[in-house]
Amino acid sequence: MRVGDGYPTFIVAEIGINHNGDVEIAKQLIDVASAVGCDAVKFQKRTPELCVPESQRNQMRETPWGYINYMEYRERIEFGESQYREIDEYCRERVIAWFASCWDTEAVDFISRFGVPCFKVSSPCLTDENLLRHVRSKGKPIILSTGMSTLAQIDNAVEILGTDDLVLLHSTSSYPAHYEELNLRMIASLRDRYMVPVGYSGHETGIASSVAAATLGACMIERHVTLDRSMWGSDHAASLEPSGLTRLVRDIRLVESSMGDGIKRVYDSELPLIKRLRKDIG
């Protein structure tokens, strides 16, 4: 993975838990991401007994598996070792990188078995100092999302992690996020404050702001992907369907090729127009 100044925008399709506990859906989403030219896919990994508060465990909810409590739902939505082995092999076949947001230390240890190129720390976990230290102990590059966080909280997280091999992602954590709350100028503000590469994790419904983020210098763009936004699950509504992800990758690459070097020149394609349209003034 090459991320930062001087490299093309690194585009991540976040599968997250949009696989709904089904490896075949995960494979279809990997296929989509690979086919449209994404650089990586990302999953989420939690250890339910560590991440689900006691007060929520027995709350009942409708799920694809019936009317079950939240703890059972969390256990069913999580992939285990055999599923991740299958995902790892499938991504190798499709020549696309994968990694995961790890929400607890056991999840970090679990995902580290697969030799992932980096670890992601999600916005809700930015204040979990024990998790930050554990992730850093693995010696891999870290991507840290900054949604729902104050500058003081980000300062503390960066102090714990250090700035070596660190990428920050500006983010607004509401699902879906409102355009007037995206605050894309924070990309430059974070870069100036911490002197590290800064990307953008978008939860809006369209692609315009994510393309704009790339134009503003975001080194990485991360967007949730789904097969169908009407599918059951908490993240599908703020995700891009295959057609949206296709347009996102296309438009980011077009913007990159359009930026140029800032040196004014006359292009060969303009020379015939000079002869035809410009008048010599003696």
C-alpha atoms as a PDB file:
ATOM      1  CA  MET A   1       0.000   0.000   0.000  1.00  0.00           C
ATOM      2  CA  ARG A   2       1.386   3.379  -1.061  1.00  0.00           C
ATOM      3  CA  VAL A   3      -0.527   6.244   0.519  1.00  0.00           C
ATOM      4  CA  GLY A   4       0.348   9.912   0.792  1.00  0.00           C
ATOM      5  CA  ASP A   5       1.743  12.828  -1.173  1.00  0.00           C
ATOM      6  CA  GLY A   6       2.949  11.885  -4.630  1.00  0.00           C
ATOM      7  CA  TYR A   7       0.719   8.822  -4.920  1.00  0.00           C
ATOM      8  CA  PRO A   8      -2.737   8.418  -6.490  1.00  0.00           C
ATOM      9  CA  THR A   9      -5.698   8.629  -4.143  1.00  0.00           C
ATOM     10  CA  PHE A  10      -6.039   5.288  -2.362  1.00  0.00           C
ATOM     11  CA  ILE A  11      -9.674   4.225  -2.707  1.00  0.00           C
ATOM     12  CA  VAL A  12     -11.149   1.872  -0.107  1.00  0.00           C
ATOM     13  CA  ALA A  13     -14.529   0.174  -0.460  1.00  0.00           C
ATOM     14  CA  GLU A  14     -15.751  -0.459   3.056  1.00  0.00           C
ATOM     15  CA  ILE A  15     -17.733  -3.670   3.177  1.00  0.00           C
ATOM     16  CA  GLY A  16     -17.891  -3.361   6.961  1.00  0.00           C
ATOM     17  CA  ILE A  17     -20.814  -5.512   8.055  1.00  0.00           C
ATOM     18  CA  ASN A  18     -22.792  -4.988   4.837  1.00  0.00           C
ATOM     19  CA  HIS A  19     -22.177  -8.675   4.097  1.00  0.00           C
ATOM     20  CA  ASN A  20     -24.921  -9.392   6.681  1.00  0.00           C
ATOM     21  CA  GLY A  21     -22.973 -12.401   7.919  1.00  0.00           C
ATOM     22  CA  ASP A  22     -22.885 -14.055   4.479  1.00  0.00           C
ATOM     23  CA  VAL A  23     -19.492 -14.824   2.897  1.00  0.00           C
ATOM     24  CA  GLU A  24     -21.048 -15.048  -0.559  1.00  0.00           C
ATOM     25  CA  ILE A  25     -22.329 -11.468  -0.245  1.00  0.00           C
ATOM     26  CA  ALA A  26     -18.855 -10.442   0.923  1.00  0.00           C
ATOM     27  CA  LYS A  27     -17.368 -12.044  -2.187  1.00  0.00           C
ATOM     28  CA  GLN A  28     -19.826 -10.227  -4.430  1.00  0.00           C
ATOM     29  CA  LEU A  29     -18.812  -6.927  -2.826  1.00  0.00           C
ATOM     30  CA  ILE A  30     -15.127  -7.790  -3.272  1.00  0.00           C
ATOM     31  CA  ASP A  31     -15.882  -8.481  -6.945  1.00  0.00           C
ATOM     32  CA  VAL A  32     -17.519  -5.063  -7.294  1.00  0.00           C
ATOM     33  CA  ALA A  33     -14.620  -3.244  -5.624  1.00  0.00           C
ATOM     34  CA  SER A  34     -12.032  -5.079  -7.715  1.00  0.00           C
ATOM     35  CA  ALA A  35     -13.908  -4.598 -10.984  1.00  0.00           C
ATOM     36  CA  VAL A  36     -14.269  -0.808 -10.595  1.00  0.00           C
ATOM     37  CA  GLY A  37     -10.639  -0.276  -9.613  1.00  0.00           C
ATOM     38  CA  CYS A  38     -10.677   0.180  -5.827  1.00  0.00           C
ATOM     39  CA  ASP A  39      -7.345  -0.363  -4.103  1.00  0.00           C
ATOM     40  CA  ALA A  40      -8.680  -2.219  -1.064  1.00  0.00           C
ATOM     41  CA  VAL A  41     -11.741  -3.459   0.758  1.00  0.00           C
ATOM     42  CA  LYS A  42     -12.251  -3.068   4.483  1.00  0.00           C
ATOM     43  CA  PHE A  43     -14.204  -5.122   6.995  1.00  0.00           C
ATOM     44  CA  GLN A  44     -15.126  -4.564  10.652  1.00  0.00           C
ATOM     45  CA  LYS A  45     -14.168  -6.992  13.416  1.00  0.00           C
ATOM     46  CA  ARG A  46     -15.569  -7.005  16.946  1.00  0.00           C
ATOM     47  CA  THR A  47     -15.459  -9.513  19.792  1.00  0.00           C
ATOM     48  CA  PRO A  48     -19.123  -9.350  20.911  1.00  0.00           C
ATOM     49  CA  GLU A  49     -18.513 -10.278  24.552  1.00  0.00           C
ATOM     50  CA  LEU A  50     -16.062  -7.360  24.810  1.00  0.00           C
ATOM     51  CA  CYS A  51     -17.876  -4.786  22.686  1.00  0.00           C
ATOM     52  CA  VAL A  52     -21.552  -5.214  23.563  1.00  0.00           C
ATOM     53  CA  PRO A  53     -22.527  -3.527  26.858  1.00  0.00           C
ATOM     54  CA  GLU A  54     -24.511  -5.615  29.329  1.00  0.00           C
ATOM     55  CA  SER A  55     -27.417  -3.178  29.041  1.00  0.00           C
ATOM     56  CA  GLN A  56     -27.799  -3.899  25.301  1.00  0.00           C
ATOM     57  CA  ARG A  57     -27.268  -7.650  25.183  1.00  0.00           C
ATOM     58  CA  ASN A  58     -30.861  -8.710  25.801  1.00  0.00           C
ATOM     59  CA  GLN A  59     -32.516  -6.003  23.725  1.00  0.00           C
ATOM     60  CA  MET A  60     -34.648  -7.673  21.070  1.00  0.00           C
ATOM     61  CA  ARG A  61     -34.606  -6.757  17.400  1.00  0.00           C
ATOM     62  CA  GLU A  62     -35.845  -7.968  14.038  1.00  0.00           C
ATOM     63  CA  THR A  63     -33.037  -9.495  11.974  1.00  0.00           C
ATOM     64  CA  PRO A  64     -32.637 -11.755   8.923  1.00  0.00           C
ATOM     65  CA  TRP A  65     -32.388 -14.593  11.478  1.00  0.00           C
ATOM     66  CA  GLY A  66     -35.666 -13.705  13.152  1.00  0.00           C
ATOM     67  CA  TYR A  67     -36.551 -11.795  16.309  1.00  0.00           C
ATOM     68  CA  ILE A  68     -33.428 -12.281  18.442  1.00  0.00           C
ATOM     69  CA  ASN A  69     -31.514 -10.384  21.103  1.00  0.00           C
ATOM     70  CA  TYR A  70     -28.737  -7.982  20.187  1.00  0.00           C
ATOM     71  CA  MET A  71     -25.970 -10.231  21.498  1.00  0.00           C
ATOM     72  CA  GLU A  72     -27.037 -13.105  19.282  1.00  0.00           C
ATOM     73  CA  TYR A  73     -27.245 -10.725  16.328  1.00  0.00           C
ATOM     74  CA  ARG A  74     -23.691  -9.490  16.965  1.00  0.00           C
ATOM     75  CA  GLU A  75     -22.424 -13.071  17.100  1.00  0.00           C
ATOM     76  CA  ARG A  76     -24.168 -13.989  13.860  1.00  0.00           C
ATOM     77  CA  ILE A  77     -22.896 -10.921  11.949  1.00  0.00           C
ATOM     78  CA  GLU A  78     -19.243 -11.573  12.826  1.00  0.00           C
ATOM     79  CA  PHE A  79     -17.060 -13.710  10.591  1.00  0.00           C
ATOM     80  CA  GLY A  80     -14.788 -16.251  12.246  1.00  0.00           C
ATOM     81  CA  GLU A  81     -11.469 -17.750  11.200  1.00  0.00           C
ATOM     82  CA  SER A  82     -12.736 -19.972   8.379  1.00  0.00           C
ATOM     83  CA  GLN A  83     -14.680 -17.125   6.787  1.00  0.00           C
ATOM     84  CA  TYR A  84     -11.735 -14.730   6.960  1.00  0.00           C
ATOM     85  CA  ARG A  85      -9.429 -17.394   5.506  1.00  0.00           C
ATOM     86  CA  GLU A  86     -11.869 -17.619   2.617  1.00  0.00           C
ATOM     87  CA  ILE A  87     -11.951 -13.833   2.275  1.00  0.00           C
ATOM     88  CA  ASP A  88      -8.162 -13.606   2.412  1.00  0.00           C
ATOM     89  CA  GLU A  89      -7.782 -16.176  -0.367  1.00  0.00           C
ATOM     90  CA  TYR A  90     -10.522 -14.560  -2.451  1.00  0.00           C
ATOM     91  CA  CYS A  91      -8.917 -11.110  -2.233  1.00  0.00           C
ATOM     92  CA  ARG A  92      -5.610 -12.599  -3.344  1.00  0.00           C
ATOM     93  CA  GLU A  93      -7.352 -14.100  -6.366  1.00  0.00           C
ATOM     94  CA  ARG A  94      -8.945 -10.745  -7.166  1.00  0.00           C
ATOM     95  CA  VAL A  95      -5.629  -8.909  -6.575  1.00  0.00           C
ATOM     96  CA  ILE A  96      -7.098  -6.465  -4.086  1.00  0.00           C
ATOM     97  CA  ALA A  97      -5.859  -5.655  -0.570  1.00  0.00           C
ATOM     98  CA  TRP A  98      -8.042  -6.055   2.499  1.00  0.00           C
ATOM     99  CA  PHE A  99      -7.890  -4.979   6.120  1.00  0.00           C
ATOM    100  CA  ALA A 100     -10.304  -4.322   8.972  1.00  0.00           C
ATOM    101  CA  SER A 101     -11.427  -1.890  11.627  1.00  0.00           C
ATOM    102  CA  CYS A 102     -10.736  -3.652  14.905  1.00  0.00           C
ATOM    103  CA  TRP A 103     -12.913  -2.595  17.836  1.00  0.00           C
ATOM    104  CA  ASP A 104     -11.092  -4.438  20.641  1.00  0.00           C
ATOM    105  CA  THR A 105      -7.694  -5.931  21.403  1.00  0.00           C
ATOM    106  CA  GLU A 106      -8.800  -9.526  20.748  1.00  0.00           C
ATOM    107  CA  ALA A 107     -10.060  -8.440  17.326  1.00  0.00           C
ATOM    108  CA  VAL A 108      -6.642  -6.880  16.621  1.00  0.00           C
ATOM    109  CA  ASP A 109      -4.907 -10.146  17.521  1.00  0.00           C
ATOM    110  CA  PHE A 110      -7.379 -12.105  15.393  1.00  0.00           C
ATOM    111  CA  ILE A 111      -6.959  -9.953  12.271  1.00  0.00           C
ATOM    112  CA  SER A 112      -3.179  -9.857  12.668  1.00  0.00           C
ATOM    113  CA  ARG A 113      -3.093 -13.592  11.851  1.00  0.00           C
ATOM    114  CA  PHE A 114      -3.824 -12.765   8.221  1.00  0.00           C
ATOM    115  CA  GLY A 115      -0.864 -10.504   7.539  1.00  0.00           C
ATOM    116  CA  VAL A 116      -2.996  -7.478   6.685  1.00  0.00           C
ATOM    117  CA  PRO A 117      -1.049  -4.439   5.406  1.00  0.00           C
ATOM    118  CA  CYS A 118      -2.447  -2.054   8.027  1.00  0.00           C
ATOM    119  CA  PHE A 119      -4.959  -1.629  10.833  1.00  0.00           C
ATOM    120  CA  LYS A 120      -7.909   0.746  10.960  1.00  0.00           C
ATOM    121  CA  VAL A 121      -9.140   2.384  14.164  1.00  0.00           C
ATOM    122  CA  SER A 122     -12.727   3.566  13.776  1.00  0.00           C
ATOM    123  CA  SER A 123     -14.043   6.870  15.058  1.00  0.00           C
ATOM    124  CA  PRO A 124     -15.873   5.389  18.095  1.00  0.00           C
ATOM    125  CA  CYS A 125     -12.585   3.796  19.221  1.00  0.00           C
ATOM    126  CA  LEU A 126     -10.435   6.940  18.959  1.00  0.00           C
ATOM    127  CA  THR A 127     -10.613   7.491  22.735  1.00  0.00           C
ATOM    128  CA  ASP A 128      -9.822   3.842  23.652  1.00  0.00           C
ATOM    129  CA  GLU A 129      -6.212   4.338  24.760  1.00  0.00           C
ATOM    130  CA  ASN A 130      -5.631   0.666  25.506  1.00  0.00           C
ATOM    131  CA  LEU A 131      -6.763  -0.283  21.993  1.00  0.00           C
ATOM    132  CA  LEU A 132      -4.581   2.418  20.422  1.00  0.00           C
ATOM    133  CA  ARG A 133      -1.491   1.139  22.225  1.00  0.00           C
ATOM    134  CA  HIS A 134      -2.291  -2.448  21.292  1.00  0.00           C
ATOM    135  CA  VAL A 135      -2.723  -1.612  17.626  1.00  0.00           C
ATOM    136  CA  ARG A 136       0.567   0.322  17.614  1.00  0.00           C
ATOM    137  CA  SER A 137       2.356  -2.644  19.182  1.00  0.00           C
ATOM    138  CA  LYS A 138       1.701  -4.647  16.000  1.00  0.00           C
ATOM    139  CA  GLY A 139       4.158  -2.497  14.060  1.00  0.00           C
ATOM    140  CA  LYS A 140       1.820  -1.922  11.095  1.00  0.00           C
ATOM    141  CA  PRO A 141       0.656   1.345   9.505  1.00  0.00           C
ATOM    142  CA  ILE A 142      -2.483   2.714  11.187  1.00  0.00           C
ATOM    143  CA  ILE A 143      -5.478   4.510   9.697  1.00  0.00           C
ATOM    144  CA  LEU A 144      -7.381   6.538  12.302  1.00  0.00           C
ATOM    145  CA  SER A 145     -10.841   7.977  11.644  1.00  0.00           C
ATOM    146  CA  THR A 146     -11.625  11.206  13.499  1.00  0.00           C
ATOM    147  CA  GLY A 147     -15.422  11.411  13.401  1.00  0.00           C
ATOM    148  CA  MET A 148     -17.322  12.393  16.568  1.00  0.00           C
ATOM    149  CA  SER A 149     -14.033  13.620  18.102  1.00  0.00           C
ATOM    150  CA  THR A 150     -12.738  16.934  19.416  1.00  0.00           C
ATOM    151  CA  LEU A 151      -9.305  18.256  18.524  1.00  0.00           C
ATOM    152  CA  ALA A 152      -8.204  17.559  22.098  1.00  0.00           C
ATOM    153  CA  GLN A 153      -9.236  13.923  21.719  1.00  0.00           C
ATOM    154  CA  ILE A 154      -7.449  13.653  18.372  1.00  0.00           C
ATOM    155  CA  ASP A 155      -4.358  15.295  19.904  1.00  0.00           C
ATOM    156  CA  ASN A 156      -4.328  12.633  22.606  1.00  0.00           C
ATOM    157  CA  ALA A 157      -4.777   9.774  20.137  1.00  0.00           C
ATOM    158  CA  VAL A 158      -1.978  11.047  17.900  1.00  0.00           C
ATOM    159  CA  GLU A 159       0.300  11.478  20.920  1.00  0.00           C
ATOM    160  CA  ILE A 160      -0.288   7.825  21.861  1.00  0.00           C
ATOM    161  CA  LEU A 161       0.120   6.490  18.327  1.00  0.00           C
ATOM    162  CA  GLY A 162       2.904   8.771  17.153  1.00  0.00           C
ATOM    163  CA  THR A 163       2.977  10.097  13.600  1.00  0.00           C
ATOM    164  CA  ASP A 164       5.072   7.368  11.954  1.00  0.00           C
ATOM    165  CA  ASP A 165       3.031   5.321   9.474  1.00  0.00           C
ATOM    166  CA  LEU A 166      -0.147   7.140  10.520  1.00  0.00           C
ATOM    167  CA  VAL A 167      -2.961   8.260   8.222  1.00  0.00           C
ATOM    168  CA  LEU A 168      -5.826  10.327   9.617  1.00  0.00           C
ATOM    169  CA  LEU A 169      -9.254  10.264   8.019  1.00  0.00           C
ATOM    170  CA  HIS A 170     -11.520  13.257   8.371  1.00  0.00           C
ATOM    171  CA  SER A 171     -15.068  12.033   8.898  1.00  0.00           C
ATOM    172  CA  THR A 172     -18.537  13.005  10.069  1.00  0.00           C
ATOM    173  CA  SER A 173     -20.009   9.959  11.766  1.00  0.00           C
ATOM    174  CA  SER A 174     -23.752  10.403  11.234  1.00  0.00           C
ATOM    175  CA  TYR A 175     -25.376   7.834   8.900  1.00  0.00           C
ATOM    176  CA  PRO A 176     -26.098   9.235   6.404  1.00  0.00           C
ATOM    177  CA  ALA A 177     -24.152  12.462   6.959  1.00  0.00           C
ATOM    178  CA  HIS A 178     -25.666  15.817   6.002  1.00  0.00           C
ATOM    179  CA  TYR A 179     -23.737  17.760   3.372  1.00  0.00           C
ATOM    180  CA  GLU A 180     -23.655  20.929   5.452  1.00  0.00           C
ATOM    181  CA  GLU A 181     -21.868  18.966   8.219  1.00  0.00           C
ATOM    182  CA  LEU A 182     -19.121  17.401   6.090  1.00  0.00           C
ATOM    183  CA  ASN A 183     -16.668  20.286   6.659  1.00  0.00           C
ATOM    184  CA  LEU A 184     -14.175  19.178   4.007  1.00  0.00           C
ATOM    185  CA  ARG A 185     -11.792  22.031   4.860  1.00  0.00           C
ATOM    186  CA  MET A 186     -10.833  19.962   7.912  1.00  0.00           C
ATOM    187  CA  ILE A 187      -8.725  17.811   5.570  1.00  0.00           C
ATOM    188  CA  ALA A 188      -6.227  20.658   5.217  1.00  0.00           C
ATOM    189  CA  SER A 189      -6.601  21.636   8.883  1.00  0.00           C
ATOM    190  CA  LEU A 190      -5.718  18.123  10.082  1.00  0.00           C
ATOM    191  CA  ARG A 191      -2.787  17.912   7.686  1.00  0.00           C
ATOM    192  CA  ASP A 192      -1.394  21.230   8.916  1.00  0.00           C
ATOM    193  CA  ARG A 193      -1.914  20.356  12.591  1.00  0.00           C
ATOM    194  CA  TYR A 194      -0.410  16.859  12.624  1.00  0.00           C
ATOM    195  CA  MET A 195       1.843  16.840   9.530  1.00  0.00           C
ATOM    196  CA  VAL A 196       0.637  13.396   8.435  1.00  0.00           C
ATOM    197  CA  PRO A 197      -1.285  12.211   5.343  1.00  0.00           C
ATOM    198  CA  VAL A 198      -5.004  12.900   5.679  1.00  0.00           C
ATOM    199  CA  GLY A 199      -7.844  11.194   3.854  1.00  0.00           C
ATOM    200  CA  TYR A 200     -11.625  11.227   3.988  1.00  0.00           C
ATOM    201  CA  SER A 201     -14.146   8.655   5.182  1.00  0.00           C
ATOM    202  CA  GLY A 202     -17.527   9.659   3.798  1.00  0.00           C
ATOM    203  CA  HIS A 203     -20.962   8.677   5.006  1.00  0.00           C
ATOM    204  CA  GLU A 204     -23.000  10.934   2.736  1.00  0.00           C
ATOM    205  CA  THR A 205     -25.363   9.449   0.152  1.00  0.00           C
ATOM    206  CA  GLY A 206     -23.780  10.861  -3.033  1.00  0.00           C
ATOM    207  CA  ILE A 207     -20.289  11.045  -4.490  1.00  0.00           C
ATOM    208  CA  ALA A 208     -19.734  14.775  -5.127  1.00  0.00           C
ATOM    209  CA  SER A 209     -18.177  15.537  -1.741  1.00  0.00           C
ATOM    210  CA  SER A 210     -15.907  12.511  -1.871  1.00  0.00           C
ATOM    211  CA  VAL A 211     -14.606  13.603  -5.273  1.00  0.00           C
ATOM    212  CA  ALA A 212     -14.162  17.117  -3.866  1.00  0.00           C
ATOM    213  CA  ALA A 213     -12.217  15.657  -0.927  1.00  0.00           C
ATOM    214  CA  ALA A 214      -9.794  14.047  -3.372  1.00  0.00           C
ATOM    215  CA  THR A 215      -9.447  17.400  -5.157  1.00  0.00           C
ATOM    216  CA  LEU A 216      -8.641  19.017  -1.803  1.00  0.00           C
ATOM    217  CA  GLY A 217      -5.759  16.608  -1.320  1.00  0.00           C
ATOM    218  CA  ALA A 218      -7.273  13.650   0.537  1.00  0.00           C
ATOM    219  CA  CYS A 219      -4.744  10.827   0.180  1.00  0.00           C
ATOM    220  CA  MET A 220      -7.387   8.159   0.809  1.00  0.00           C
ATOM    221  CA  ILE A 221     -11.111   7.992   0.158  1.00  0.00           C
ATOM    222  CA  GLU A 222     -13.150   5.422   2.054  1.00  0.00           C
ATOM    223  CA  ARG A 223     -16.810   4.760   1.265  1.00  0.00           C
ATOM    224  CA  HIS A 224     -19.213   2.038   2.344  1.00  0.00           C
ATOM    225  CA  VAL A 225     -20.369  -0.260  -0.458  1.00  0.00           C
ATOM    226  CA  THR A 226     -23.536  -2.342  -0.715  1.00  0.00           C
ATOM    227  CA  LEU A 227     -25.237  -4.453  -3.346  1.00  0.00           C
ATOM    228  CA  ASP A 228     -28.517  -2.651  -2.653  1.00  0.00           C
ATOM    229  CA  ARG A 229     -29.164   0.300  -0.339  1.00  0.00           C
ATOM    230  CA  SER A 230     -32.555  -1.160   0.594  1.00  0.00           C
ATOM    231  CA  MET A 231     -30.989  -4.288   2.130  1.00  0.00           C
ATOM    232  CA  TRP A 232     -31.475  -4.963   5.841  1.00  0.00           C
ATOM    233  CA  GLY A 233     -28.766  -3.497   8.061  1.00  0.00           C
ATOM    234  CA  SER A 234     -27.651  -0.282   9.728  1.00  0.00           C
ATOM    235  CA  ASP A 235     -25.050   0.891   7.183  1.00  0.00           C
ATOM    236  CA  HIS A 236     -26.677   0.176   3.823  1.00  0.00           C
ATOM    237  CA  ALA A 237     -28.521   3.506   3.559  1.00  0.00           C
ATOM    238  CA  ALA A 238     -25.236   5.445   3.768  1.00  0.00           C
ATOM    239  CA  SER A 239     -23.474   3.159   1.286  1.00  0.00           C
ATOM    240  CA  LEU A 240     -22.807   3.327  -2.444  1.00  0.00           C
ATOM    241  CA  GLU A 241     -24.299   0.754  -4.759  1.00  0.00           C
ATOM    242  CA  PRO A 242     -22.064  -0.669  -7.530  1.00  0.00           C
ATOM    243  CA  SER A 243     -23.024   2.058 -10.001  1.00  0.00           C
ATOM    244  CA  GLY A 244     -22.187   4.781  -7.462  1.00  0.00           C
ATOM    245  CA  LEU A 245     -18.843   3.205  -6.596  1.00  0.00           C
ATOM    246  CA  THR A 246     -18.060   2.967 -10.317  1.00  0.00           C
ATOM    247  CA  ARG A 247     -18.714   6.687 -10.775  1.00  0.00           C
ATOM    248  CA  LEU A 248     -16.719   7.563  -7.672  1.00  0.00           C
ATOM    249  CA  VAL A 249     -13.573   5.776  -8.836  1.00  0.00           C
ATOM    250  CA  ARG A 250     -13.983   7.108 -12.386  1.00  0.00           C
ATOM    251  CA  ASP A 251     -14.437  10.712 -11.270  1.00  0.00           C
ATOM    252  CA  ILE A 252     -11.546  10.647  -8.784  1.00  0.00           C
ATOM    253  CA  ARG A 253      -9.200   9.330 -11.474  1.00  0.00           C
ATOM    254  CA  LEU A 254     -10.457  11.954 -13.951  1.00  0.00           C
ATOM    255  CA  VAL A 255      -9.840  14.692 -11.385  1.00  0.00           C
ATOM    256  CA  GLU A 256      -6.321  13.385 -10.749  1.00  0.00           C
ATOM    257  CA  SER A 257      -5.498  13.447 -14.452  1.00  0.00           C
ATOM    258  CA  SER A 258      -6.940  16.972 -14.714  1.00  0.00           C
ATOM    259  CA  MET A 259      -4.903  18.599 -11.932  1.00  0.00           C
ATOM    260  CA  GLY A 260      -1.711  19.135 -13.937  1.00  0.00           C
ATOM    261  CA  ASP A 261       1.424  20.792 -12.589  1.00  0.00           C
ATOM    262  CA  GLY A 262       0.386  24.451 -12.465  1.00  0.00           C
ATOM    263  CA  ILE A 263       2.749  25.485 -15.260  1.00  0.00           C
ATOM    264  CA  LYS A 264       1.042  27.429 -18.033  1.00  0.00           C
ATOM    265  CA  ARG A 265       1.721  26.053 -21.504  1.00  0.00           C
ATOM    266  CA  VAL A 266       0.165  25.955 -24.949  1.00  0.00           C
ATOM    267  CA  TYR A 267      -0.778  22.412 -25.897  1.00  0.00           C
ATOM    268  CA  ASP A 268      -0.346  20.900 -29.351  1.00  0.00           C
ATOM    269  CA  SER A 269      -4.114  20.364 -29.488  1.00  0.00           C
ATOM    270  CA  GLU A 270      -4.545  24.170 -29.312  1.00  0.00           C
ATOM    271  CA  LEU A 271      -2.230  25.034 -32.233  1.00  0.00           C
ATOM    272  CA  PRO A 272      -4.791  24.542 -35.039  1.00  0.00           C
ATOM    273  CA  LEU A 273      -7.204  26.814 -33.151  1.00  0.00           C
ATOM    274  CA  ILE A 274      -4.555  29.513 -32.884  1.00  0.00           C
ATOM    275  CA  LYS A 275      -4.154  29.491 -36.651  1.00  0.00           C
ATOM    276  CA  ARG A 276      -7.887  29.474 -37.300  1.00  0.00           C
ATOM    277  CA  LEU A 277      -9.221  31.796 -34.581  1.00  0.00           C
ATOM    278  CA  ARG A 278      -6.484  34.206 -33.525  1.00  0.00           C
ATOM    279  CA  LYS A 279      -5.844  37.365 -35.511  1.00  0.00           C
ATOM    280  CA  ASP A 280      -2.326  38.732 -35.864  1.00  0.00           C
ATOM    281  CA  ILE A 281      -2.121  42.338 -34.747  1.00  0.00           C
ATOM    282  CA  GLY A 282       0.721  44.163 -36.415  1.00  0.00           C
END
